[in-house]
Amino acid sequence: MLIQTLLVSVLIVRICFAAGASQTEDAPTIATRTDLTKRFAFTNYCRTGNMVGGVEEAKCSEIRDEKSSSLNAREATFRNFLNQTRKEHPTYAWSIKGGIVNLFPLKRNGPDLLGKKLEKVSINHISGFEAFFHVLDQAAIKANPGGSGGYGAGVPAQKLISLELKDVTVRDALNAIAKADGHVVWWYCPTSSDKSEVMFDLDGWITPNK
């Protein structure tokens, strides 16, 4: 297994290898175990379900570091996991559309920076990692890769992405990049007391050649 450092210094590459079998969000899976965090479970459900996604936390580590202890590993499905997370955090909601899974807060302590409209987004033959931060920079969002205590992640041999988007929110643009990449989940949360700076983190995976 080849692991490479990607683009930004001191970022830790987290790689999951896909099993190859296609699953939907309702298909039984053993992705969730009682000793794993919700972050790992969410990313692994996306990986095994051939989906991508993004998680916005109102407060950093409010969800990601929790143990996914209330689900039966053999009977759990992605929707069960999302519904259980919603039950434990009633101020959050989730959506699945077009193979993109989002978990997001219904209430925020500051402005909805990801809801900011962008008139035009041009991504020209760059990696998904670069594309994510290009959009955040365009939206004037001060994003720290990995943030305080974060991981930061990348995918070895990422394919290059080109996108032309018009009249989209920052959230829409991030989801479009994730979809174009096909193997990534983004994580976002405010890190400063005035919400002017955020943590932006990625979990990625590759599918090994058979």
Protein backbone atom coordinates (compact mmCIF):
# COMPACT_ATOMS: atom_id res chain seq x y z
CA MET A 1 0.00 0.00 0.00
CA LEU A 2 1.48 3.28 -1.10
CA ILE A 3 0.88 6.33 1.07
CA GLN A 4 2.02 9.75 -0.08
CA THR A 5 2.05 13.12 1.61
CA LEU A 6 -0.22 15.57 -0.23
CA LEU A 7 0.44 19.25 -0.90
CA VAL A 8 0.34 20.70 2.61
CA SER A 9 3.03 20.18 5.22
CA VAL A 10 2.32 18.10 8.31
CA LEU A 11 -1.04 16.89 6.98
CA ILE A 12 -1.74 13.24 7.69
CA VAL A 13 -3.04 11.18 4.81
CA ARG A 14 -5.94 8.99 5.81
CA ILE A 15 -6.69 6.33 3.23
CA CYS A 16 -9.48 3.78 3.12
CA PHE A 17 -9.47 1.06 0.46
CA ALA A 18 -12.82 0.29 -1.16
CA ALA A 19 -14.00 -3.29 -1.11
CA GLY A 20 -15.17 -3.11 -4.71
CA ALA A 21 -18.80 -4.20 -4.15
CA SER A 22 -21.42 -1.54 -4.82
CA GLN A 23 -23.85 -0.69 -2.02
CA THR A 24 -26.66 1.82 -1.57
CA GLU A 25 -27.38 3.79 1.58
CA ASP A 26 -29.96 1.15 2.60
CA ALA A 27 -27.78 -1.90 2.08
CA PRO A 28 -26.62 -3.79 5.19
CA THR A 29 -23.00 -3.14 6.05
CA ILE A 30 -20.60 -3.72 8.93
CA ALA A 31 -19.06 -0.27 8.47
CA THR A 32 -20.11 0.84 11.95
CA ARG A 33 -18.50 -0.80 14.96
CA THR A 34 -18.94 0.20 18.58
CA ASP A 35 -15.31 1.23 18.96
CA LEU A 36 -15.27 3.62 16.00
CA THR A 37 -15.99 7.33 15.85
CA LYS A 38 -18.86 8.85 13.93
CA ARG A 39 -16.29 10.44 11.65
CA PHE A 40 -14.91 7.08 10.64
CA ALA A 41 -18.39 5.57 10.34
CA PHE A 42 -19.69 8.42 8.12
CA THR A 43 -16.68 8.26 5.82
CA ASN A 44 -16.75 4.48 5.64
CA TYR A 45 -20.45 4.42 4.81
CA CYS A 46 -19.76 6.81 1.92
CA ARG A 47 -16.85 4.67 0.78
CA THR A 48 -18.75 1.37 0.82
CA GLY A 49 -21.87 2.97 -0.65
CA ASN A 50 -20.06 4.61 -3.57
CA MET A 51 -21.12 8.04 -2.33
CA VAL A 52 -19.38 11.24 -1.29
CA GLY A 53 -20.39 13.82 1.27
CA GLY A 54 -19.78 16.66 3.61
CA VAL A 55 -20.36 17.34 7.30
CA GLU A 56 -20.78 20.81 8.78
CA GLU A 57 -20.51 21.00 12.56
CA ALA A 58 -21.82 23.98 14.54
CA LYS A 59 -18.97 23.31 16.97
CA CYS A 60 -15.78 21.44 16.16
CA SER A 61 -15.76 17.78 17.23
CA GLU A 62 -19.42 17.99 18.29
CA ILE A 63 -20.15 14.91 16.21
CA ARG A 64 -16.97 13.60 14.60
CA ASP A 65 -15.26 12.32 17.74
CA GLU A 66 -18.30 10.61 19.26
CA LYS A 67 -18.38 6.84 19.36
CA SER A 68 -20.98 5.19 17.15
CA SER A 69 -21.97 2.94 20.02
CA SER A 70 -25.74 2.69 19.60
CA LEU A 71 -25.84 0.82 16.29
CA ASN A 72 -25.64 -2.90 15.70
CA ALA A 73 -22.66 -3.46 13.43
CA ARG A 74 -24.30 -6.19 11.35
CA GLU A 75 -27.70 -4.57 10.92
CA ALA A 76 -26.77 -0.93 10.60
CA THR A 77 -27.42 0.97 7.38
CA PHE A 78 -26.33 4.47 6.46
CA ARG A 79 -29.84 5.83 6.95
CA ASN A 80 -30.03 4.19 10.39
CA PHE A 81 -26.72 5.79 11.29
CA LEU A 82 -27.87 9.22 10.08
CA ASN A 83 -31.21 8.91 11.86
CA GLN A 84 -29.50 7.84 15.08
CA THR A 85 -27.12 10.79 14.83
CA ARG A 86 -30.13 13.06 14.27
CA LYS A 87 -31.81 11.58 17.35
CA GLU A 88 -28.72 12.22 19.45
CA HIS A 89 -28.31 15.72 17.95
CA PRO A 90 -31.82 17.08 17.23
CA THR A 91 -30.40 20.41 16.06
CA TYR A 92 -28.90 18.62 13.05
CA ALA A 93 -30.40 17.30 9.83
CA TRP A 94 -29.18 15.18 6.93
CA SER A 95 -29.84 14.82 3.23
CA ILE A 96 -28.94 12.41 0.43
CA LYS A 97 -29.22 13.68 -3.13
CA GLY A 98 -27.47 12.53 -6.26
CA GLY A 99 -25.03 10.35 -4.35
CA ILE A 100 -24.02 13.23 -2.07
CA VAL A 101 -24.64 12.92 1.68
CA ASN A 102 -24.70 16.01 3.88
CA LEU A 103 -25.02 16.34 7.66
CA PHE A 104 -25.54 19.92 8.83
CA PRO A 105 -26.77 22.03 11.77
CA LEU A 106 -30.23 23.59 11.75
CA LYS A 107 -28.99 26.29 14.11
CA ARG A 108 -25.68 28.15 13.94
CA ASN A 109 -24.05 30.50 16.39
CA GLY A 110 -22.87 32.71 13.56
CA PRO A 111 -23.50 33.33 9.85
CA ASP A 112 -24.02 30.47 7.43
CA LEU A 113 -20.76 30.93 5.53
CA LEU A 114 -21.39 27.85 3.40
CA GLY A 115 -24.67 29.40 2.27
CA LYS A 116 -22.89 32.34 0.66
CA LYS A 117 -23.70 32.66 -3.04
CA LEU A 118 -20.94 32.59 -5.64
CA GLU A 119 -21.73 34.01 -9.05
CA LYS A 120 -19.17 31.84 -10.83
CA VAL A 121 -16.71 29.10 -9.84
CA SER A 122 -14.03 28.02 -12.30
CA ILE A 123 -11.95 24.94 -11.51
CA ASN A 124 -9.37 24.25 -14.18
CA HIS A 125 -7.45 20.98 -14.11
CA ILE A 126 -6.39 20.94 -10.46
CA SER A 127 -6.60 18.34 -7.71
CA GLY A 128 -9.69 18.05 -5.56
CA PHE A 129 -7.67 19.20 -2.55
CA GLU A 130 -6.67 22.39 -4.34
CA ALA A 131 -10.19 22.87 -5.70
CA PHE A 132 -11.77 22.78 -2.22
CA PHE A 133 -9.46 25.47 -0.90
CA HIS A 134 -9.80 27.51 -4.09
CA VAL A 135 -13.55 27.78 -3.44
CA LEU A 136 -13.11 28.63 0.23
CA ASP A 137 -10.57 31.30 -0.67
CA GLN A 138 -12.90 32.71 -3.33
CA ALA A 139 -15.64 32.97 -0.69
CA ALA A 140 -13.19 34.77 1.65
CA ILE A 141 -13.50 31.98 4.22
CA LYS A 142 -10.35 31.69 6.32
CA ALA A 143 -9.92 27.93 6.34
CA ASN A 144 -7.20 26.07 8.21
CA PRO A 145 -6.40 22.62 6.81
CA GLY A 146 -7.09 20.16 9.59
CA GLY A 147 -7.53 22.90 12.15
CA SER A 148 -6.59 22.51 15.78
CA GLY A 149 -6.32 18.79 16.44
CA GLY A 150 -7.59 17.99 12.96
CA TYR A 151 -6.19 15.43 10.57
CA GLY A 152 -6.12 16.87 7.10
CA ALA A 153 -6.28 14.20 4.45
CA GLY A 154 -5.59 13.57 0.84
CA VAL A 155 -5.79 10.89 -1.77
CA PRO A 156 -2.66 9.64 -3.52
CA ALA A 157 -2.78 10.08 -7.30
CA GLN A 158 -5.90 12.26 -7.20
CA LYS A 159 -7.39 12.86 -10.60
CA LEU A 160 -7.46 16.44 -11.80
CA ILE A 161 -10.79 18.24 -11.78
CA SER A 162 -12.31 20.83 -14.09
CA LEU A 163 -15.67 22.44 -13.25
CA GLU A 164 -17.65 25.50 -14.31
CA LEU A 165 -20.38 26.42 -11.83
CA LYS A 166 -22.71 29.41 -11.86
CA ASP A 167 -24.88 30.92 -9.12
CA VAL A 168 -24.10 28.30 -6.49
CA THR A 169 -23.60 28.38 -2.74
CA VAL A 170 -20.23 27.53 -1.25
CA ARG A 171 -21.81 24.32 0.03
CA ASP A 172 -23.02 23.42 -3.47
CA ALA A 173 -19.55 24.04 -4.87
CA LEU A 174 -17.89 21.86 -2.22
CA ASN A 175 -20.36 19.08 -2.94
CA ALA A 176 -19.76 19.40 -6.69
CA ILE A 177 -16.01 19.06 -6.16
CA ALA A 178 -16.53 16.02 -3.93
CA LYS A 179 -18.78 14.47 -6.60
CA ALA A 180 -16.23 15.16 -9.35
CA ASP A 181 -13.47 13.63 -7.24
CA GLY A 182 -15.65 10.65 -6.32
CA HIS A 183 -13.67 9.52 -3.27
CA VAL A 184 -13.81 12.16 -0.57
CA VAL A 185 -15.76 13.51 2.41
CA TRP A 186 -15.26 17.07 3.63
CA TRP A 187 -15.55 18.26 7.26
CA TYR A 188 -16.16 21.87 8.27
CA CYS A 189 -16.56 23.76 11.54
CA PRO A 190 -15.84 27.26 12.96
CA THR A 191 -12.70 27.52 15.09
CA SER A 192 -12.67 31.15 16.23
CA SER A 193 -15.02 32.73 18.74
CA ASP A 194 -16.27 35.23 16.16
CA LYS A 195 -16.70 32.43 13.53
CA SER A 196 -14.31 34.25 11.15
CA GLU A 197 -11.99 31.24 10.86
CA VAL A 198 -12.93 27.66 10.18
CA MET A 199 -11.41 24.20 10.13
CA PHE A 200 -11.69 22.37 6.82
CA ASP A 201 -10.66 18.76 6.73
CA LEU A 202 -10.83 15.89 4.22
CA ASP A 203 -11.14 12.13 4.40
CA GLY A 204 -10.29 10.38 1.16
CA TRP A 205 -9.93 6.87 -0.17
CA ILE A 206 -8.85 5.06 -3.31
CA THR A 207 -10.06 1.89 -4.95
CA PRO A 208 -7.14 -0.46 -5.60
CA ASN A 209 -6.79 -2.02 -9.02
CA LYS A 210 -8.06 -5.59 -9.18
